[in-house]
């Protein structure tokens, strides 16, 4: 009995320790595709996987997404929510094959799809034509219904969508973590044998009295909550300063940078952005870091785009497929 109790207390301490040291609750982003409409050797069509506390969220699903997942060792066991920004093929053509694979692998838990409403009959028609009845339920949530309400909200985070300025109706997405609980000083926890209820009480801001009657003030045994993490996705869109309010002060912004400044007129006609325009949005919105993506197939490397963006917003970076980005 004592041994079991000791192991239980040790597990609590290790959890708190590693949570503090390694920031296990941070957001993590993996870019599966950062190209535009035409795939190249250098870039796949748009798709991303966002991780948060054991959950996975996919943003867009361009052609070849499931192959990218295999390439980079991305599992889908905890993927329950997919967001499709708009109905251009480079943002959703990979969905049909991926859903089929989930079916063949025996997935039986629900999958939530947040997308323009016109995608629902299209998916139903594809699987009806293929004489396939999916093993799992596909729940559709039309983005048109979420003008003023969150797509998803839990105790710890909130996901909203907002309008982009593109040639078809398009939406951006912003993920914001809510302010967390106080953190317990790991030195205080050590060797004290605190119960889960006691730990939760301290994290809620209450003082602590030990078995000998000694009182400890909350401010002396806790640390401030970790700053909430946030991420925003903006692709595809023309230059549009009105989105700055929706993405204000996010830690990481992914913004399309399809063209360089010499193609400014082309960008306008196609309702896309240049790298300089992406950087201007990052500056206006006061974000911490900018990731450039959705690169035109014209480019074999992105040095020019990066240099143009950094002239306006120094903390600009070229997104790299397969690389993990810790957001904090």
Foldseek 3Di string as FASTA:
>chain_A
DVVVLVVVLVVVLVVLVCCVVVVVQFKKKFWLFFAADDDDPATAQGKMWIDGPQAIEIEFFAPCSVVSCVVLVNDCPRAAYYEFFAPDRSRHVRVLVVQVVCQVVPDQEEHEYEEAPVVVVVSVVVCVVVVDDGNYHYHYDHLVVQAPHFPDDDPFKTKGWYFAAFPGTGIKMKIKTDFAFWRFDSVVSPPQSDDPVRRVCLSNQCWDAHPVRDIGGSVRGTHGTDPIAMEMEAPFAAQDLVCLVVCAAHQEYEAEAAAAPVCNVVCVVRGGYHLCSQLVSCVSSVYNAYEYGNYYPVDPDCPRSLVNSCVRPVRYDYRHHSDMDGTD
